[in-house]
């Protein structure tokens, strides 16, 4: 399966070069600029899942090394992978 990623530029500020756009991924589109919370050890610290939904978080960064150590790749696989 070939995974395609692309970026669609919606608007650019000629003064600063700041951009707004849509990052297209095989798992869905992500509007930019974006707040990306970081999940360490399989959780986003200090926020409940309801909070993430309320603020409109579209993506969570995951540290795969931490996840490999705990809970481990087999448990993540059994749960359906990171995207589930």
PDB file of N, CA and C in Angstrom:
ATOM      1  N   UNK A   1       0.839  -1.176   0.000  1.00  0.00           N
ATOM      2  CA  UNK A   1       0.000   0.000   0.000  1.00  0.00           C
ATOM      3  C   UNK A   1       0.886   1.242   0.000  1.00  0.00           C
ATOM      4  N   UNK A   2       0.655   2.107  -0.943  1.00  0.00           N
ATOM      5  CA  UNK A   2       1.411   3.349  -1.015  1.00  0.00           C
ATOM      6  C   UNK A   2       0.702   4.416  -0.182  1.00  0.00           C
ATOM      7  N   UNK A   3       1.464   5.055   0.706  1.00  0.00           N
ATOM      8  CA  UNK A   3       0.882   6.105   1.527  1.00  0.00           C
ATOM      9  C   UNK A   3       1.211   7.452   0.900  1.00  0.00           C
ATOM     10  N   UNK A   4       0.179   8.250   0.692  1.00  0.00           N
ATOM     11  CA  UNK A   4       0.355   9.560   0.083  1.00  0.00           C
ATOM     12  C   UNK A   4       0.138  10.665   1.105  1.00  0.00           C
ATOM     13  N   UNK A   5       1.078  11.577   1.155  1.00  0.00           N
ATOM     14  CA  UNK A   5       0.982  12.751   1.994  1.00  0.00           C
ATOM     15  C   UNK A   5       1.083  13.964   1.088  1.00  0.00           C
ATOM     16  N   UNK A   6       0.310  15.000   1.373  1.00  0.00           N
ATOM     17  CA  UNK A   6       0.431  16.230   0.613  1.00  0.00           C
ATOM     18  C   UNK A   6      -0.004  17.395   1.488  1.00  0.00           C
ATOM     19  N   UNK A   7       0.404  18.579   1.081  1.00  0.00           N
ATOM     20  CA  UNK A   7       0.039  19.794   1.799  1.00  0.00           C
ATOM     21  C   UNK A   7      -0.646  20.735   0.830  1.00  0.00           C
ATOM     22  N   UNK A   8      -1.822  21.190   1.206  1.00  0.00           N
ATOM     23  CA  UNK A   8      -2.596  22.123   0.399  1.00  0.00           C
ATOM     24  C   UNK A   8      -2.525  23.502   1.060  1.00  0.00           C
ATOM     25  N   UNK A   9      -1.928  24.445   0.394  1.00  0.00           N
ATOM     26  CA  UNK A   9      -1.802  25.797   0.918  1.00  0.00           C
ATOM     27  C   UNK A   9      -3.128  26.532   0.768  1.00  0.00           C
ATOM     28  N   UNK A  10      -3.656  27.042   1.880  1.00  0.00           N
ATOM     29  CA  UNK A  10      -4.918  27.769   1.861  1.00  0.00           C
ATOM     30  C   UNK A  10      -4.658  29.281   1.839  1.00  0.00           C
ATOM     31  N   UNK A  11      -3.707  29.721   2.663  1.00  0.00           N
ATOM     32  CA  UNK A  11      -3.407  31.146   2.737  1.00  0.00           C
ATOM     33  C   UNK A  11      -1.984  31.340   3.246  1.00  0.00           C
ATOM     34  N   UNK A  12      -1.331  32.379   2.756  1.00  0.00           N
ATOM     35  CA  UNK A  12       0.019  32.693   3.201  1.00  0.00           C
ATOM     36  C   UNK A  12       0.119  34.189   3.454  1.00  0.00           C
ATOM     37  N   UNK A  13       0.798  34.549   4.541  1.00  0.00           N
ATOM     38  CA  UNK A  13       1.030  35.948   4.849  1.00  0.00           C
ATOM     39  C   UNK A  13       2.300  36.397   4.135  1.00  0.00           C
ATOM     40  N   UNK A  14       2.193  37.334   3.198  1.00  0.00           N
ATOM     41  CA  UNK A  14       3.381  37.751   2.458  1.00  0.00           C
ATOM     42  C   UNK A  14       4.411  38.450   3.340  1.00  0.00           C
ATOM     43  N   UNK A  15       3.956  39.023   4.435  1.00  0.00           N
ATOM     44  CA  UNK A  15       4.848  39.761   5.327  1.00  0.00           C
ATOM     45  C   UNK A  15       5.728  38.827   6.159  1.00  0.00           C
ATOM     46  N   UNK A  16       5.124  37.769   6.717  1.00  0.00           N
ATOM     47  CA  UNK A  16       5.848  36.886   7.644  1.00  0.00           C
ATOM     48  C   UNK A  16       6.162  35.516   7.064  1.00  0.00           C
ATOM     49  N   UNK A  17       5.446  35.120   6.017  1.00  0.00           N
ATOM     50  CA  UNK A  17       5.621  33.777   5.468  1.00  0.00           C
ATOM     51  C   UNK A  17       4.808  32.722   6.206  1.00  0.00           C
ATOM     52  N   UNK A  18       4.036  33.149   7.219  1.00  0.00           N
ATOM     53  CA  UNK A  18       3.177  32.209   7.945  1.00  0.00           C
ATOM     54  C   UNK A  18       2.164  31.614   6.963  1.00  0.00           C
ATOM     55  N   UNK A  19       1.862  30.323   7.157  1.00  0.00           N
ATOM     56  CA  UNK A  19       0.957  29.638   6.238  1.00  0.00           C
ATOM     57  C   UNK A  19      -0.172  28.943   6.990  1.00  0.00           C
ATOM     58  N   UNK A  20      -1.304  28.839   6.336  1.00  0.00           N
ATOM     59  CA  UNK A  20      -2.422  28.030   6.798  1.00  0.00           C
ATOM     60  C   UNK A  20      -2.733  27.059   5.674  1.00  0.00           C
ATOM     61  N   UNK A  21      -3.032  25.840   6.040  1.00  0.00           N
ATOM     62  CA  UNK A  21      -3.303  24.863   5.000  1.00  0.00           C
ATOM     63  C   UNK A  21      -3.893  23.591   5.550  1.00  0.00           C
ATOM     64  N   UNK A  22      -3.895  22.586   4.720  1.00  0.00           N
ATOM     65  CA  UNK A  22      -4.404  21.265   5.098  1.00  0.00           C
ATOM     66  C   UNK A  22      -3.343  20.233   4.740  1.00  0.00           C
ATOM     67  N   UNK A  23      -2.949  19.473   5.738  1.00  0.00           N
ATOM     68  CA  UNK A  23      -1.995  18.379   5.562  1.00  0.00           C
ATOM     69  C   UNK A  23      -2.818  17.125   5.338  1.00  0.00           C
ATOM     70  N   UNK A  24      -2.751  16.569   4.129  1.00  0.00           N
ATOM     71  CA  UNK A  24      -3.516  15.371   3.775  1.00  0.00           C
ATOM     72  C   UNK A  24      -2.665  14.134   4.075  1.00  0.00           C
ATOM     73  N   UNK A  25      -3.216  13.211   4.865  1.00  0.00           N
ATOM     74  CA  UNK A  25      -2.527  11.968   5.205  1.00  0.00           C
ATOM     75  C   UNK A  25      -3.445  10.790   4.893  1.00  0.00           C
ATOM     76  N   UNK A  26      -2.902   9.584   4.838  1.00  0.00           N
ATOM     77  CA  UNK A  26      -3.747   8.410   4.610  1.00  0.00           C
ATOM     78  C   UNK A  26      -4.779   8.191   5.725  1.00  0.00           C
ATOM     79  N   UNK A  27      -4.555   8.793   6.887  1.00  0.00           N
ATOM     80  CA  UNK A  27      -5.468   8.608   8.014  1.00  0.00           C
ATOM     81  C   UNK A  27      -6.424   9.775   8.206  1.00  0.00           C
ATOM     82  N   UNK A  28      -6.348  10.777   7.341  1.00  0.00           N
ATOM     83  CA  UNK A  28      -7.247  11.917   7.439  1.00  0.00           C
ATOM     84  C   UNK A  28      -6.515  13.235   7.227  1.00  0.00           C
ATOM     85  N   UNK A  29      -7.294  14.288   7.151  1.00  0.00           N
ATOM     86  CA  UNK A  29      -6.747  15.620   6.927  1.00  0.00           C
ATOM     87  C   UNK A  29      -6.524  16.334   8.255  1.00  0.00           C
ATOM     88  N   UNK A  30      -5.465  17.156   8.292  1.00  0.00           N
ATOM     89  CA  UNK A  30      -5.126  17.927   9.478  1.00  0.00           C
ATOM     90  C   UNK A  30      -5.007  19.376   9.058  1.00  0.00           C
ATOM     91  N   UNK A  31      -5.836  20.239   9.656  1.00  0.00           N
ATOM     92  CA  UNK A  31      -5.787  21.658   9.356  1.00  0.00           C
ATOM     93  C   UNK A  31      -4.624  22.296  10.107  1.00  0.00           C
ATOM     94  N   UNK A  32      -3.868  23.152   9.415  1.00  0.00           N
ATOM     95  CA  UNK A  32      -2.738  23.824  10.046  1.00  0.00           C
ATOM     96  C   UNK A  32      -2.973  25.327  10.018  1.00  0.00           C
ATOM     97  N   UNK A  33      -2.418  26.081  10.976  1.00  0.00           N
ATOM     98  CA  UNK A  33      -1.574  25.593  12.069  1.00  0.00           C
ATOM     99  C   UNK A  33      -2.407  24.785  13.061  1.00  0.00           C
ATOM    100  N   UNK A  34      -1.749  23.943  13.828  1.00  0.00           N
ATOM    101  CA  UNK A  34      -2.446  22.999  14.698  1.00  0.00           C
ATOM    102  C   UNK A  34      -1.756  22.887  16.051  1.00  0.00           C
ATOM    103  N   UNK A  35      -2.555  22.699  17.088  1.00  0.00           N
ATOM    104  CA  UNK A  35      -2.050  22.358  18.408  1.00  0.00           C
ATOM    105  C   UNK A  35      -1.897  20.848  18.439  1.00  0.00           C
ATOM    106  N   UNK A  36      -0.673  20.362  18.665  1.00  0.00           N
ATOM    107  CA  UNK A  36      -0.419  18.921  18.701  1.00  0.00           C
ATOM    108  C   UNK A  36       0.027  18.512  20.104  1.00  0.00           C
ATOM    109  N   UNK A  37      -0.908  17.993  20.915  1.00  0.00           N
ATOM    110  CA  UNK A  37      -0.488  17.510  22.225  1.00  0.00           C
ATOM    111  C   UNK A  37       0.419  16.287  22.070  1.00  0.00           C
ATOM    112  N   UNK A  38       1.257  16.061  23.060  1.00  0.00           N
ATOM    113  CA  UNK A  38       2.192  14.940  23.031  1.00  0.00           C
ATOM    114  C   UNK A  38       1.737  13.896  24.037  1.00  0.00           C
ATOM    115  N   UNK A  39       1.606  12.662  23.567  1.00  0.00           N
ATOM    116  CA  UNK A  39       1.260  11.548  24.447  1.00  0.00           C
ATOM    117  C   UNK A  39       2.519  10.794  24.822  1.00  0.00           C
ATOM    118  N   UNK A  40       2.844  10.794  26.113  1.00  0.00           N
ATOM    119  CA  UNK A  40       3.981  10.009  26.578  1.00  0.00           C
ATOM    120  C   UNK A  40       3.458   8.871  27.436  1.00  0.00           C
ATOM    121  N   UNK A  41       4.034   7.721  27.264  1.00  0.00           N
ATOM    122  CA  UNK A  41       3.618   6.512  27.968  1.00  0.00           C
ATOM    123  C   UNK A  41       2.111   6.280  27.802  1.00  0.00           C
ATOM    124  N   UNK A  42       1.658   6.458  26.558  1.00  0.00           N
ATOM    125  CA  UNK A  42       0.294   6.133  26.122  1.00  0.00           C
ATOM    126  C   UNK A  42      -0.785   7.054  26.667  1.00  0.00           C
ATOM    127  N   UNK A  43      -0.425   8.262  27.099  1.00  0.00           N
ATOM    128  CA  UNK A  43      -1.447   9.197  27.552  1.00  0.00           C
ATOM    129  C   UNK A  43      -0.975  10.639  27.390  1.00  0.00           C
ATOM    130  N   UNK A  44      -1.929  11.545  27.211  1.00  0.00           N
ATOM    131  CA  UNK A  44      -1.630  12.973  27.210  1.00  0.00           C
ATOM    132  C   UNK A  44      -1.796  13.436  28.651  1.00  0.00           C
ATOM    133  N   UNK A  45      -0.717  13.853  29.258  1.00  0.00           N
ATOM    134  CA  UNK A  45      -0.739  14.233  30.672  1.00  0.00           C
ATOM    135  C   UNK A  45      -1.549  15.516  30.878  1.00  0.00           C
ATOM    136  N   UNK A  46      -2.368  15.518  31.901  1.00  0.00           N
ATOM    137  CA  UNK A  46      -3.098  16.717  32.298  1.00  0.00           C
ATOM    138  C   UNK A  46      -4.364  16.998  31.518  1.00  0.00           C
ATOM    139  N   UNK A  47      -4.694  16.167  30.537  1.00  0.00           N
ATOM    140  CA  UNK A  47      -5.917  16.362  29.764  1.00  0.00           C
ATOM    141  C   UNK A  47      -6.688  15.047  29.658  1.00  0.00           C
ATOM    142  N   UNK A  48      -7.982  15.157  29.826  1.00  0.00           N
ATOM    143  CA  UNK A  48      -8.846  13.987  29.637  1.00  0.00           C
ATOM    144  C   UNK A  48      -9.191  13.865  28.150  1.00  0.00           C
ATOM    145  N   UNK A  49      -9.574  12.684  27.694  1.00  0.00           N
ATOM    146  CA  UNK A  49      -9.999  12.552  26.287  1.00  0.00           C
ATOM    147  C   UNK A  49     -11.104  13.552  25.923  1.00  0.00           C
ATOM    148  N   UNK A  50     -12.002  13.834  26.864  1.00  0.00           N
ATOM    149  CA  UNK A  50     -13.070  14.802  26.615  1.00  0.00           C
ATOM    150  C   UNK A  50     -12.489  16.195  26.352  1.00  0.00           C
ATOM    151  N   UNK A  51     -11.409  16.541  27.092  1.00  0.00           N
ATOM    152  CA  UNK A  51     -10.753  17.833  26.890  1.00  0.00           C
ATOM    153  C   UNK A  51     -10.148  17.912  25.488  1.00  0.00           C
ATOM    154  N   UNK A  52      -9.507  16.826  25.055  1.00  0.00           N
ATOM    155  CA  UNK A  52      -8.902  16.806  23.718  1.00  0.00           C
ATOM    156  C   UNK A  52      -9.966  16.981  22.640  1.00  0.00           C
ATOM    157  N   UNK A  53     -11.114  16.329  22.819  1.00  0.00           N
ATOM    158  CA  UNK A  53     -12.212  16.496  21.864  1.00  0.00           C
ATOM    159  C   UNK A  53     -12.743  17.918  21.881  1.00  0.00           C
ATOM    160  N   UNK A  54     -12.876  18.493  23.085  1.00  0.00           N
ATOM    161  CA  UNK A  54     -13.431  19.843  23.225  1.00  0.00           C
ATOM    162  C   UNK A  54     -12.553  20.903  22.556  1.00  0.00           C
ATOM    163  N   UNK A  55     -11.236  20.752  22.660  1.00  0.00           N
ATOM    164  CA  UNK A  55     -10.346  21.750  22.057  1.00  0.00           C
ATOM    165  C   UNK A  55     -10.088  21.460  20.572  1.00  0.00           C
ATOM    166  N   UNK A  56     -10.635  20.360  20.087  1.00  0.00           N
ATOM    167  CA  UNK A  56     -10.524  20.041  18.668  1.00  0.00           C
ATOM    168  C   UNK A  56      -9.174  19.477  18.251  1.00  0.00           C
ATOM    169  N   UNK A  57      -8.495  18.786  19.169  1.00  0.00           N
ATOM    170  CA  UNK A  57      -7.200  18.182  18.829  1.00  0.00           C
ATOM    171  C   UNK A  57      -7.403  17.189  17.681  1.00  0.00           C
ATOM    172  N   UNK A  58      -6.670  17.402  16.593  1.00  0.00           N
ATOM    173  CA  UNK A  58      -6.810  16.552  15.421  1.00  0.00           C
ATOM    174  C   UNK A  58      -5.735  15.487  15.335  1.00  0.00           C
ATOM    175  N   UNK A  59      -4.691  15.635  16.148  1.00  0.00           N
ATOM    176  CA  UNK A  59      -3.550  14.730  16.074  1.00  0.00           C
ATOM    177  C   UNK A  59      -2.865  14.709  17.439  1.00  0.00           C
ATOM    178  N   UNK A  60      -2.309  13.578  17.794  1.00  0.00           N
ATOM    179  CA  UNK A  60      -1.524  13.453  19.018  1.00  0.00           C
ATOM    180  C   UNK A  60      -0.177  12.851  18.635  1.00  0.00           C
ATOM    181  N   UNK A  61       0.891  13.522  19.044  1.00  0.00           N
ATOM    182  CA  UNK A  61       2.228  12.988  18.792  1.00  0.00           C
ATOM    183  C   UNK A  61       2.503  11.873  19.793  1.00  0.00           C
ATOM    184  N   UNK A  62       3.029  10.775  19.308  1.00  0.00           N
ATOM    185  CA  UNK A  62       3.332   9.625  20.155  1.00  0.00           C
ATOM    186  C   UNK A  62       4.823   9.324  20.120  1.00  0.00           C
ATOM    187  N   UNK A  63       5.389   9.044  21.263  1.00  0.00           N
ATOM    188  CA  UNK A  63       6.788   8.655  21.334  1.00  0.00           C
ATOM    189  C   UNK A  63       6.841   7.142  21.228  1.00  0.00           C
ATOM    190  N   UNK A  64       7.217   6.642  20.069  1.00  0.00           N
ATOM    191  CA  UNK A  64       7.179   5.191  19.841  1.00  0.00           C
ATOM    192  C   UNK A  64       8.181   4.435  20.701  1.00  0.00           C
ATOM    193  N   UNK A  65       9.275   5.082  21.071  1.00  0.00           N
ATOM    194  CA  UNK A  65      10.244   4.407  21.946  1.00  0.00           C
ATOM    195  C   UNK A  65       9.623   4.159  23.318  1.00  0.00           C
ATOM    196  N   UNK A  66       8.956   5.172  23.868  1.00  0.00           N
ATOM    197  CA  UNK A  66       8.293   4.984  25.164  1.00  0.00           C
ATOM    198  C   UNK A  66       7.218   3.907  25.072  1.00  0.00           C
ATOM    199  N   UNK A  67       6.461   3.926  23.984  1.00  0.00           N
ATOM    200  CA  UNK A  67       5.401   2.928  23.817  1.00  0.00           C
ATOM    201  C   UNK A  67       5.976   1.525  23.642  1.00  0.00           C
ATOM    202  N   UNK A  68       7.122   1.429  22.993  1.00  0.00           N
ATOM    203  CA  UNK A  68       7.778   0.136  22.846  1.00  0.00           C
ATOM    204  C   UNK A  68       8.161  -0.417  24.222  1.00  0.00           C
ATOM    205  N   UNK A  69       8.669   0.453  25.097  1.00  0.00           N
ATOM    206  CA  UNK A  69       9.068   0.017  26.438  1.00  0.00           C
ATOM    207  C   UNK A  69       7.859  -0.350  27.292  1.00  0.00           C
ATOM    208  N   UNK A  70       6.826   0.485  27.219  1.00  0.00           N
ATOM    209  CA  UNK A  70       5.620   0.248  28.012  1.00  0.00           C
ATOM    210  C   UNK A  70       4.471   0.976  27.364  1.00  0.00           C
ATOM    211  N   UNK A  71       3.431   0.355  26.944  1.00  0.00           N
ATOM    212  CA  UNK A  71       2.978  -0.981  27.284  1.00  0.00           C
ATOM    213  C   UNK A  71       3.582  -2.092  26.429  1.00  0.00           C
ATOM    214  N   UNK A  72       4.255  -1.748  25.334  1.00  0.00           N
ATOM    215  CA  UNK A  72       4.849  -2.763  24.460  1.00  0.00           C
ATOM    216  C   UNK A  72       4.080  -2.900  23.160  1.00  0.00           C
ATOM    217  N   UNK A  73       4.802  -3.294  22.118  1.00  0.00           N
ATOM    218  CA  UNK A  73       4.184  -3.338  20.789  1.00  0.00           C
ATOM    219  C   UNK A  73       3.095  -4.393  20.661  1.00  0.00           C
ATOM    220  N   UNK A  74       3.192  -5.474  21.402  1.00  0.00           N
ATOM    221  CA  UNK A  74       2.158  -6.517  21.303  1.00  0.00           C
ATOM    222  C   UNK A  74       0.820  -6.016  21.849  1.00  0.00           C
ATOM    223  N   UNK A  75       0.839  -5.291  22.948  1.00  0.00           N
ATOM    224  CA  UNK A  75      -0.402  -4.759  23.513  1.00  0.00           C
ATOM    225  C   UNK A  75      -1.007  -3.711  22.578  1.00  0.00           C
ATOM    226  N   UNK A  76      -0.157  -2.873  22.002  1.00  0.00           N
ATOM    227  CA  UNK A  76      -0.644  -1.865  21.061  1.00  0.00           C
ATOM    228  C   UNK A  76      -1.250  -2.547  19.842  1.00  0.00           C
ATOM    229  N   UNK A  77      -0.608  -3.601  19.373  1.00  0.00           N
ATOM    230  CA  UNK A  77      -1.129  -4.350  18.230  1.00  0.00           C
ATOM    231  C   UNK A  77      -2.490  -4.978  18.560  1.00  0.00           C
ATOM    232  N   UNK A  78      -2.599  -5.580  19.757  1.00  0.00           N
ATOM    233  CA  UNK A  78      -3.861  -6.190  20.180  1.00  0.00           C
ATOM    234  C   UNK A  78      -4.988  -5.162  20.297  1.00  0.00           C
ATOM    235  N   UNK A  79      -4.615  -3.915  20.624  1.00  0.00           N
ATOM    236  CA  UNK A  79      -5.616  -2.849  20.767  1.00  0.00           C
ATOM    237  C   UNK A  79      -6.003  -2.239  19.420  1.00  0.00           C
ATOM    238  N   UNK A  80      -5.361  -2.669  18.347  1.00  0.00           N
ATOM    239  CA  UNK A  80      -5.707  -2.174  17.021  1.00  0.00           C
ATOM    240  C   UNK A  80      -4.749  -1.140  16.463  1.00  0.00           C
ATOM    241  N   UNK A  81      -3.628  -0.917  17.168  1.00  0.00           N
ATOM    242  CA  UNK A  81      -2.643   0.048  16.681  1.00  0.00           C
ATOM    243  C   UNK A  81      -2.852   1.443  17.241  1.00  0.00           C
ATOM    244  N   UNK A  82      -1.919   2.313  16.952  1.00  0.00           N
ATOM    245  CA  UNK A  82      -1.976   3.673  17.494  1.00  0.00           C
ATOM    246  C   UNK A  82      -3.159   4.477  16.961  1.00  0.00           C
ATOM    247  N   UNK A  83      -3.568   4.242  15.738  1.00  0.00           N
ATOM    248  CA  UNK A  83      -4.631   5.044  15.147  1.00  0.00           C
ATOM    249  C   UNK A  83      -5.993   4.706  15.715  1.00  0.00           C
ATOM    250  N   UNK A  84      -6.136   3.575  16.343  1.00  0.00           N
ATOM    251  CA  UNK A  84      -7.402   3.219  16.971  1.00  0.00           C
ATOM    252  C   UNK A  84      -7.514   3.891  18.320  1.00  0.00           C
TER     253      UNK A  84
END
